[in-house]
Amino acid sequence: MASAAEQLAANASFSQFAKATDLKKRLWFTIGALVVFRLLSYVPLPGIDPRALASLFEQTQGGVMDFFNTFTGGALTRMSVVALGVMPYITASIVIQLATSLSPTLAAIKKEGESGRKKLNQYTRYGTVLLTAIQAYFIAVGLEAWGQSAGYNAVIVDPLLFRTTTVITLVGGTMFLMWLGEQITSRGIGNGVSLIIMAGIVASLPTTIAGSLEQARTGATSPLWVFAGFAFFLGLILLICFMERAQRRVLIQYPKRQTARGMQSDKSHLPLKINTANVIPPIFASSLLALPLTITQFAGSHLSGESRWGDFIISLNQFIGQDTPAYFALYAAGIIFFSFFYTAVVFNPEETADNLKRYGGFIPGIRPGKATESYLDYVLTRITVIGAAYLTAICVIPEMFIPRHLIGFGGTSLLIVVNVTIDTVTQIQSHLLAHQYGDLIKKAKLKGGMRR
């Protein structure tokens, strides 16, 4: 049976949405911030010839650059001021969270509450600057040599000046997007960083769909294959929606207490999501792969293999390049690892068991305390196995067996879009629900005042 909150959310109408002034302001702020991001993705780095750059990237179509270009909405191939997107920020967040789990000092800082969270956020920002500077430098060096080896003058200024301006500009662009994401989270709707990634993916969707339809029209691809590709991804959307709402509900019972109707006991459920980590594992895994792959893509494109370092870079680029078994293996391993790691970060069985014991709650048949903690850990581990397998299948299998030219949209991109959409709609419903409760409280106070 639906709860009162679910019934209120289901009865939400457009008129109620129109009355929610605060929600409308948040939506307009979010849309405006995403528009700013999309405009910045068309502002090129200083010192680059856009036509020569476009010719260079045409030679690498279908490679790993296309995969990471999807997350930036084309900003990487255009070499815009936000070419690296928010991936360095996500990678820095991964490093800090891993360090928090391994370092007692950082773990103590995390337990300090709000002040500790601010310190860790500051460390994440420092790490973002460092990672962005490293990637930006290799991109600048790679563009110079890449253009010369291919016969194009992509860089039209002094090399030293170009490297300096590229590092400064890309660091500034990534830090601005990081700040923009934080502003969306606090003043808008949804998770800001996730929405920025989703905006980049969705921006390329019309072009990829139009390209697939054009291939079917010209006979380059069988229309049946294109239709099958769209049907397959529609089925994936339904599967993602089902799995993201799937829960393992653990029964919680509270001691009997005296009420007007006699002795009664309260019962509730502890909902454990099958995919507790949400969309974080594929984003984290792709972010970690982005750092070495970006460097090897630019460095390996102009090395001749006449040195040990050149041989190593070329071999590494070929070994972990997109559509290789090593790439898929590393990607799947990263998803599985971060599924368990992030689940352990967001849900603490020991803390949950202590809270249940403190308020008198218990799981029927399980003793409070350590036994409850072990039981919750056992249940969480089992459902996380299912969640990790689901995420791996959604992200890896379509990439391995479905040719990207059929739709140009991978399982990872689809997972991010659907998850972020579900999360954003849920937050919109929460704001509408709060607005409806506010109206009910106002009406109740008004009626109480009139009776007096």
Protein backbone atom coordinates (compact mmCIF):
# COMPACT_ATOMS: atom_id res chain seq x y z
CA MET A 1 0.00 0.00 0.00
CA ALA A 2 1.32 3.42 -0.92
CA SER A 3 2.34 5.71 1.90
CA ALA A 4 0.87 9.15 2.43
CA ALA A 5 4.00 10.75 0.98
CA GLU A 6 3.79 8.60 -2.14
CA GLN A 7 0.10 9.46 -2.56
CA LEU A 8 0.85 13.18 -2.29
CA ALA A 9 3.66 12.85 -4.85
CA ALA A 10 1.39 10.91 -7.21
CA ASN A 11 -1.30 13.60 -6.96
CA ALA A 12 1.13 16.41 -7.83
CA SER A 13 -0.21 18.41 -10.76
CA PHE A 14 1.07 21.16 -13.01
CA SER A 15 -0.87 23.77 -11.04
CA GLN A 16 0.91 22.71 -7.85
CA PHE A 17 4.21 22.86 -9.69
CA ALA A 18 3.40 26.41 -10.84
CA LYS A 19 2.80 27.46 -7.22
CA ALA A 20 6.15 26.10 -6.04
CA THR A 21 8.13 29.33 -6.48
CA ASP A 22 11.31 28.06 -4.83
CA LEU A 23 11.33 24.94 -7.03
CA LYS A 24 10.97 27.02 -10.19
CA LYS A 25 13.88 29.22 -9.16
CA ARG A 26 16.02 26.14 -8.56
CA LEU A 27 15.10 24.68 -11.95
CA TRP A 28 15.88 27.92 -13.79
CA PHE A 29 19.20 28.21 -11.98
CA THR A 30 20.10 24.62 -12.95
CA ILE A 31 19.16 25.19 -16.59
CA GLY A 32 21.12 28.46 -16.70
CA ALA A 33 24.23 26.81 -15.22
CA LEU A 34 24.09 23.97 -17.76
CA VAL A 35 23.70 26.49 -20.59
CA VAL A 36 26.86 28.24 -19.36
CA PHE A 37 28.68 24.88 -19.42
CA ARG A 38 27.55 24.19 -22.98
CA LEU A 39 28.63 27.66 -24.14
CA LEU A 40 32.07 27.21 -22.59
CA SER A 41 32.48 23.91 -24.46
CA TYR A 42 32.63 25.92 -27.71
CA VAL A 43 35.31 28.38 -26.52
CA PRO A 44 38.64 27.05 -27.92
CA LEU A 45 42.01 27.14 -26.20
CA PRO A 46 44.18 30.11 -27.22
CA GLY A 47 46.83 29.39 -29.84
CA ILE A 48 44.99 26.59 -31.70
CA ASP A 49 43.91 26.40 -35.34
CA PRO A 50 40.39 24.86 -35.14
CA ARG A 51 40.41 23.59 -38.76
CA ALA A 52 43.76 21.78 -38.36
CA LEU A 53 42.56 20.39 -35.02
CA ALA A 54 39.39 19.01 -36.61
CA SER A 55 41.50 17.30 -39.31
CA LEU A 56 43.70 15.72 -36.64
CA PHE A 57 40.80 14.29 -34.66
CA GLU A 58 39.19 12.87 -37.80
CA GLN A 59 42.18 10.52 -37.99
CA THR A 60 41.44 9.07 -34.52
CA GLN A 61 37.70 8.51 -34.82
CA GLY A 62 36.51 5.38 -33.10
CA GLY A 63 39.33 5.44 -30.56
CA VAL A 64 39.36 6.11 -26.86
CA MET A 65 39.12 9.85 -27.49
CA ASP A 66 35.56 9.37 -28.75
CA PHE A 67 34.63 7.57 -25.53
CA PHE A 68 35.86 10.33 -23.23
CA ASN A 69 34.68 13.02 -25.61
CA THR A 70 31.13 11.78 -24.92
CA PHE A 71 31.38 12.81 -21.27
CA THR A 72 32.41 16.36 -22.20
CA GLY A 73 29.82 16.91 -24.92
CA GLY A 74 32.44 17.32 -27.67
CA ALA A 75 34.57 19.76 -25.66
CA LEU A 76 37.60 17.46 -25.84
CA THR A 77 37.74 17.20 -29.64
CA ARG A 78 37.15 20.96 -29.90
CA MET A 79 39.89 21.53 -27.30
CA SER A 80 37.76 24.05 -25.48
CA VAL A 81 38.59 25.70 -22.17
CA VAL A 82 36.61 22.91 -20.41
CA ALA A 83 38.09 20.08 -22.50
CA LEU A 84 38.86 17.93 -19.43
CA GLY A 85 35.41 18.42 -17.92
CA VAL A 86 34.99 17.33 -14.30
CA MET A 87 36.91 14.06 -14.68
CA PRO A 88 40.02 15.32 -12.78
CA TYR A 89 37.75 16.39 -9.91
CA ILE A 90 36.14 12.94 -9.80
CA THR A 91 39.55 11.26 -9.91
CA ALA A 92 40.75 13.44 -7.03
CA SER A 93 37.61 12.53 -5.07
CA ILE A 94 38.39 8.85 -5.59
CA VAL A 95 41.95 9.30 -4.30
CA ILE A 96 40.80 11.21 -1.20
CA GLN A 97 38.10 8.66 -0.37
CA LEU A 98 40.56 5.79 -0.77
CA ALA A 99 43.08 7.64 1.40
CA THR A 100 40.39 8.26 4.03
CA SER A 101 39.80 4.52 4.28
CA LEU A 102 43.52 3.72 4.51
CA SER A 103 44.93 6.63 6.53
CA PRO A 104 44.02 6.93 10.25
CA THR A 105 44.79 10.67 10.12
CA LEU A 106 42.32 11.35 7.31
CA ALA A 107 39.80 9.00 8.93
CA ALA A 108 40.00 11.09 12.11
CA ILE A 109 39.47 14.26 10.08
CA LYS A 110 36.37 12.71 8.48
CA LYS A 111 34.88 12.03 11.93
CA GLU A 112 35.17 15.72 12.88
CA GLY A 113 31.83 16.42 11.21
CA GLU A 114 31.28 19.53 9.11
CA SER A 115 34.75 20.94 9.71
CA GLY A 116 36.33 17.64 8.69
CA ARG A 117 34.23 17.49 5.54
CA LYS A 118 35.40 20.98 4.57
CA LYS A 119 39.05 19.96 5.06
CA LEU A 120 38.63 16.87 2.86
CA ASN A 121 36.88 18.98 0.21
CA GLN A 122 39.84 21.34 0.26
CA TYR A 123 42.25 18.44 -0.21
CA THR A 124 40.11 17.26 -3.13
CA ARG A 125 40.39 20.69 -4.76
CA TYR A 126 44.18 20.66 -4.39
CA GLY A 127 44.26 17.21 -5.97
CA THR A 128 42.03 18.43 -8.81
CA VAL A 129 44.45 21.26 -9.61
CA LEU A 130 47.41 18.88 -9.63
CA LEU A 131 45.76 16.23 -11.83
CA THR A 132 44.38 18.83 -14.25
CA ALA A 133 47.80 20.47 -14.59
CA ILE A 134 49.44 17.11 -15.38
CA GLN A 135 46.85 16.17 -17.99
CA ALA A 136 46.87 19.67 -19.49
CA TYR A 137 50.64 19.65 -19.89
CA PHE A 138 50.65 16.30 -21.68
CA ILE A 139 47.80 17.44 -23.90
CA ALA A 140 49.73 20.59 -24.86
CA VAL A 141 52.94 18.67 -25.60
CA GLY A 142 51.02 15.99 -27.46
CA LEU A 143 49.17 18.49 -29.67
CA GLU A 144 52.41 20.15 -30.71
CA ALA A 145 54.14 16.94 -31.77
CA TRP A 146 50.97 15.31 -33.04
CA GLY A 147 50.27 18.11 -35.48
CA GLN A 148 53.86 18.21 -36.75
CA SER A 149 54.02 14.43 -37.36
CA ALA A 150 50.71 14.50 -39.25
CA GLY A 151 51.62 17.54 -41.34
CA TYR A 152 49.22 19.96 -39.61
CA ASN A 153 50.04 23.14 -37.70
CA ALA A 154 47.43 22.79 -34.97
CA VAL A 155 49.46 25.03 -32.63
CA ILE A 156 50.07 28.47 -34.12
CA VAL A 157 51.94 30.17 -31.23
CA ASP A 158 55.26 29.71 -29.46
CA PRO A 159 55.42 26.22 -27.85
CA LEU A 160 56.40 27.49 -24.40
CA LEU A 161 53.62 30.09 -24.44
CA PHE A 162 51.13 27.48 -25.65
CA ARG A 163 52.02 25.04 -22.88
CA THR A 164 51.74 27.73 -20.22
CA THR A 165 48.41 29.10 -21.43
CA THR A 166 46.99 25.58 -21.93
CA VAL A 167 47.80 24.49 -18.38
CA ILE A 168 46.43 27.70 -16.88
CA THR A 169 43.29 27.68 -19.04
CA LEU A 170 42.40 24.01 -18.54
CA VAL A 171 42.99 24.22 -14.80
CA GLY A 172 40.77 27.29 -14.66
CA GLY A 173 38.08 25.61 -16.78
CA THR A 174 37.95 22.47 -14.65
CA MET A 175 37.92 24.44 -11.40
CA PHE A 176 35.09 26.60 -12.75
CA LEU A 177 33.06 23.50 -13.63
CA MET A 178 33.74 22.09 -10.16
CA TRP A 179 32.46 25.32 -8.61
CA LEU A 180 29.50 25.35 -10.98
CA GLY A 181 28.60 21.81 -9.96
CA GLU A 182 28.70 22.76 -6.28
CA GLN A 183 26.44 25.73 -6.97
CA ILE A 184 23.92 23.51 -8.79
CA THR A 185 23.89 21.09 -5.86
CA SER A 186 23.28 23.82 -3.27
CA ARG A 187 21.10 26.26 -5.23
CA GLY A 188 19.62 24.10 -7.97
CA ILE A 189 18.12 20.64 -8.42
CA GLY A 190 20.06 17.38 -8.42
CA ASN A 191 23.75 16.57 -8.07
CA GLY A 192 25.69 19.26 -9.92
CA VAL A 193 28.66 17.20 -11.09
CA SER A 194 26.42 14.37 -12.32
CA LEU A 195 24.20 16.84 -14.18
CA ILE A 196 27.22 18.37 -15.92
CA ILE A 197 28.32 14.92 -17.10
CA MET A 198 24.77 14.12 -18.19
CA ALA A 199 24.49 17.42 -20.09
CA GLY A 200 27.61 16.54 -22.07
CA ILE A 201 26.23 13.10 -22.93
CA VAL A 202 22.75 14.32 -23.89
CA ALA A 203 24.21 17.12 -26.04
CA SER A 204 25.71 14.56 -28.42
CA LEU A 205 22.62 12.33 -28.49
CA PRO A 206 20.70 14.08 -31.35
CA THR A 207 23.79 14.01 -33.59
CA THR A 208 24.48 10.32 -32.97
CA ILE A 209 20.85 9.31 -33.55
CA ALA A 210 20.70 11.37 -36.73
CA GLY A 211 23.95 9.77 -37.90
CA SER A 212 22.56 6.26 -37.31
CA LEU A 213 19.38 7.07 -39.22
CA GLU A 214 21.42 8.56 -42.06
CA GLN A 215 23.51 5.39 -42.29
CA ALA A 216 20.32 3.35 -42.53
CA ARG A 217 18.94 5.67 -45.22
CA THR A 218 22.06 5.51 -47.37
CA GLY A 219 22.42 1.74 -46.97
CA ALA A 220 25.73 1.92 -45.08
CA THR A 221 24.03 -0.03 -42.26
CA SER A 222 21.05 -2.33 -42.43
CA PRO A 223 17.88 -0.60 -41.14
CA LEU A 224 17.09 -3.80 -39.26
CA TRP A 225 20.34 -3.53 -37.31
CA VAL A 226 19.65 0.11 -36.44
CA PHE A 227 16.13 -0.77 -35.28
CA ALA A 228 17.51 -3.68 -33.25
CA GLY A 229 20.04 -1.33 -31.66
CA PHE A 230 17.35 1.16 -30.60
CA ALA A 231 15.13 -1.67 -29.30
CA PHE A 232 18.06 -3.09 -27.32
CA PHE A 233 18.78 0.24 -25.65
CA LEU A 234 15.07 0.75 -24.90
CA GLY A 235 15.16 -2.60 -23.10
CA LEU A 236 18.26 -1.44 -21.21
CA ILE A 237 16.40 1.68 -20.05
CA LEU A 238 13.57 -0.46 -18.66
CA LEU A 239 16.08 -2.77 -16.95
CA ILE A 240 17.95 0.18 -15.41
CA CYS A 241 14.71 1.73 -14.10
CA PHE A 242 13.70 -1.61 -12.56
CA MET A 243 17.08 -2.31 -10.95
CA GLU A 244 17.50 1.22 -9.57
CA ARG A 245 14.20 0.90 -7.69
CA ALA A 246 14.86 -2.66 -6.50
CA GLN A 247 15.31 -2.99 -2.73
CA ARG A 248 15.92 -5.62 -0.08
CA ARG A 249 13.61 -4.56 2.76
CA VAL A 250 14.83 -5.72 6.16
CA LEU A 251 12.05 -5.96 8.75
CA ILE A 252 12.66 -3.84 11.86
CA GLN A 253 10.52 -4.36 14.96
CA TYR A 254 10.26 -2.16 18.07
CA PRO A 255 9.19 -3.21 21.60
CA LYS A 256 5.53 -3.14 22.55
CA ARG A 257 4.27 0.04 24.14
CA GLN A 258 1.05 1.13 25.77
CA THR A 259 -1.34 3.07 23.51
CA ALA A 260 -5.00 4.05 23.62
CA ARG A 261 -5.76 0.78 21.81
CA GLY A 262 -3.73 -1.33 24.20
CA MET A 263 -0.27 -2.84 23.88
CA GLN A 264 1.03 -2.46 20.33
CA SER A 265 4.39 -2.99 18.64
CA ASP A 266 5.70 -0.83 15.79
CA LYS A 267 7.16 -2.34 12.65
CA SER A 268 9.11 -0.69 9.88
CA HIS A 269 11.52 -1.64 7.11
CA LEU A 270 15.15 -0.79 6.47
CA PRO A 271 15.39 -0.42 2.65
CA LEU A 272 18.71 -1.61 1.18
CA LYS A 273 19.05 -0.76 -2.50
CA ILE A 274 20.36 -3.48 -4.80
CA ASN A 275 22.57 -0.83 -6.40
CA THR A 276 23.57 1.18 -3.35
CA ALA A 277 26.50 2.83 -5.15
CA ASN A 278 24.21 4.22 -7.87
CA VAL A 279 26.11 5.59 -10.89
CA ILE A 280 29.34 6.26 -9.00
CA PRO A 281 31.28 3.03 -9.91
CA PRO A 282 31.25 3.49 -13.73
CA ILE A 283 32.06 7.19 -13.38
CA PHE A 284 34.95 6.45 -11.02
CA ALA A 285 36.25 3.59 -13.18
CA SER A 286 36.13 5.64 -16.40
CA SER A 287 37.78 8.58 -14.63
CA LEU A 288 40.73 6.48 -13.50
CA LEU A 289 41.12 5.07 -17.02
CA ALA A 290 40.91 8.58 -18.47
CA LEU A 291 44.18 9.73 -16.90
CA PRO A 292 46.60 7.16 -18.42
CA LEU A 293 44.61 6.82 -21.65
CA THR A 294 44.62 10.56 -22.32
CA ILE A 295 48.37 10.74 -21.77
CA THR A 296 49.16 7.67 -23.88
CA GLN A 297 46.76 8.77 -26.64
CA PHE A 298 48.55 12.11 -27.11
CA ALA A 299 52.07 10.87 -26.36
CA GLY A 300 51.80 7.63 -28.32
CA SER A 301 50.44 9.30 -31.46
CA HIS A 302 53.78 10.89 -32.34
CA LEU A 303 56.39 8.52 -30.90
CA SER A 304 58.33 6.49 -33.44
CA GLY A 305 59.38 3.67 -31.13
CA GLU A 306 63.09 4.45 -31.43
CA SER A 307 63.55 4.50 -27.66
CA ARG A 308 62.50 2.37 -24.71
CA TRP A 309 60.13 5.07 -23.52
CA GLY A 310 58.60 5.32 -26.98
CA ASP A 311 58.17 1.56 -27.22
CA PHE A 312 56.57 1.48 -23.77
CA ILE A 313 54.08 4.28 -24.55
CA ILE A 314 53.10 2.77 -27.90
CA SER A 315 52.68 -0.69 -26.36
CA LEU A 316 50.64 0.69 -23.45
CA ASN A 317 48.42 2.67 -25.83
CA GLN A 318 47.73 -0.44 -27.87
CA PHE A 319 47.29 -2.68 -24.84
CA ILE A 320 44.70 -0.59 -22.95
CA GLY A 321 43.11 1.14 -25.92
CA GLN A 322 39.34 1.09 -26.30
CA ASP A 323 37.78 -2.15 -27.63
CA THR A 324 40.74 -4.22 -26.38
CA PRO A 325 40.28 -7.11 -23.92
CA ALA A 326 42.58 -5.41 -21.40
CA TYR A 327 40.48 -2.23 -21.48
CA PHE A 328 37.23 -4.11 -20.87
CA ALA A 329 38.85 -6.19 -18.12
CA LEU A 330 40.19 -3.09 -16.32
CA TYR A 331 36.88 -1.29 -16.74
CA ALA A 332 34.88 -4.24 -15.36
CA ALA A 333 37.33 -4.68 -12.46
CA GLY A 334 37.06 -0.96 -11.65
CA ILE A 335 33.25 -1.08 -11.62
CA ILE A 336 33.18 -4.13 -9.34
CA PHE A 337 35.77 -2.66 -6.96
CA PHE A 338 34.05 0.72 -6.65
CA SER A 339 30.64 -0.94 -6.22
CA PHE A 340 31.85 -2.59 -3.02
CA PHE A 341 34.04 0.34 -1.97
CA TYR A 342 31.40 3.06 -2.34
CA THR A 343 28.72 0.87 -0.74
CA ALA A 344 31.00 0.52 2.30
CA VAL A 345 31.44 4.31 2.32
CA VAL A 346 27.75 5.25 2.22
CA PHE A 347 26.38 2.47 4.47
CA ASN A 348 27.99 1.50 7.77
CA PRO A 349 26.45 -1.69 9.29
CA GLU A 350 28.08 -1.01 12.68
CA GLU A 351 26.60 2.47 12.93
CA THR A 352 23.17 1.25 11.77
CA ALA A 353 23.19 -1.58 14.31
CA ASP A 354 24.14 0.84 17.11
CA ASN A 355 21.32 3.22 16.15
CA LEU A 356 18.77 0.39 16.13
CA LYS A 357 19.96 -0.77 19.55
CA ARG A 358 19.84 2.77 20.92
CA TYR A 359 16.20 3.25 19.89
CA GLY A 360 15.10 -0.23 20.90
CA GLY A 361 14.72 -1.63 17.38
CA PHE A 362 15.76 -5.13 16.39
CA ILE A 363 15.56 -7.56 13.49
CA PRO A 364 13.30 -10.51 14.35
CA GLY A 365 15.42 -13.56 15.11
CA ILE A 366 18.67 -11.54 15.31
CA ARG A 367 20.14 -10.32 18.61
CA PRO A 368 20.86 -6.55 18.83
CA GLY A 369 24.43 -5.32 18.62
CA LYS A 370 27.20 -7.35 17.01
CA ALA A 371 24.86 -10.01 15.62
CA THR A 372 22.75 -7.35 13.89
CA GLU A 373 25.89 -5.76 12.44
CA SER A 374 27.06 -9.11 11.05
CA TYR A 375 23.63 -9.84 9.58
CA LEU A 376 23.39 -6.43 7.87
CA ASP A 377 26.92 -6.84 6.51
CA TYR A 378 26.01 -10.31 5.20
CA VAL A 379 22.84 -9.06 3.47
CA LEU A 380 24.57 -5.98 2.06
CA THR A 381 27.43 -8.05 0.63
CA ARG A 382 25.03 -10.42 -1.12
CA ILE A 383 22.94 -7.69 -2.74
CA THR A 384 26.08 -5.74 -3.69
CA VAL A 385 27.24 -8.77 -5.67
CA ILE A 386 24.01 -8.54 -7.67
CA GLY A 387 24.38 -4.76 -8.03
CA ALA A 388 27.99 -5.01 -9.18
CA ALA A 389 27.10 -7.71 -11.72
CA TYR A 390 24.24 -5.57 -13.00
CA LEU A 391 26.44 -2.48 -13.40
CA THR A 392 29.17 -4.47 -15.13
CA ALA A 393 26.70 -6.04 -17.54
CA ILE A 394 25.06 -2.70 -18.38
CA CYS A 395 28.35 -0.86 -18.95
CA VAL A 396 30.60 -3.50 -20.51
CA ILE A 397 28.47 -5.93 -22.52
CA PRO A 398 26.90 -3.33 -24.86
CA GLU A 399 30.36 -1.85 -25.48
CA MET A 400 31.74 -5.28 -26.38
CA PHE A 401 29.00 -6.68 -28.62
CA ILE A 402 27.00 -3.72 -29.97
CA PRO A 403 28.84 -1.71 -32.68
CA ARG A 404 28.92 1.95 -31.63
CA HIS A 405 27.99 3.14 -35.12
CA LEU A 406 24.51 1.62 -34.71
CA ILE A 407 23.52 4.29 -32.20
CA GLY A 408 26.77 5.88 -30.96
CA PHE A 409 25.58 5.59 -27.37
CA GLY A 410 27.23 3.21 -24.91
CA GLY A 411 25.77 1.43 -21.92
CA THR A 412 27.76 3.62 -19.51
CA SER A 413 26.34 6.80 -21.00
CA LEU A 414 22.83 5.37 -20.88
CA LEU A 415 23.25 4.33 -17.24
CA ILE A 416 24.42 7.81 -16.25
CA VAL A 417 21.58 9.55 -18.10
CA VAL A 418 18.85 7.32 -16.65
CA ASN A 419 20.25 7.42 -13.09
CA VAL A 420 20.73 11.18 -13.04
CA THR A 421 17.23 11.64 -14.50
CA ILE A 422 15.70 9.41 -11.82
CA ASP A 423 17.60 11.24 -9.07
CA THR A 424 16.60 14.66 -10.39
CA VAL A 425 12.92 13.71 -10.74
CA THR A 426 12.99 12.31 -7.20
CA GLN A 427 14.35 15.59 -5.86
CA ILE A 428 11.69 17.54 -7.79
CA GLN A 429 9.01 15.33 -6.22
CA SER A 430 10.55 15.93 -2.78
CA HIS A 431 10.33 19.70 -3.27
CA LEU A 432 6.72 19.41 -4.46
CA LEU A 433 5.94 17.21 -1.47
CA ALA A 434 7.47 19.74 0.94
CA HIS A 435 5.48 22.51 -0.74
CA GLN A 436 2.23 20.53 -0.37
CA TYR A 437 2.93 19.82 3.29
CA GLY A 438 3.62 23.51 3.80
CA ASP A 439 0.26 24.41 2.30
CA LEU A 440 -1.51 21.84 4.50
CA ILE A 441 0.14 23.24 7.63
CA LYS A 442 -0.83 26.79 6.67
CA LYS A 443 -4.46 25.74 6.10
CA ALA A 444 -4.55 23.89 9.44
CA LYS A 445 -3.22 26.95 11.29
CA LEU A 446 -5.68 29.19 9.49
CA LYS A 447 -8.64 26.97 10.47
CA GLY A 448 -7.40 26.81 14.07
CA GLY A 449 -7.20 30.60 14.20
CA MET A 450 -10.73 31.00 12.80
CA ARG A 451 -12.19 28.61 15.43
CA ARG A 452 -10.82 30.77 18.22
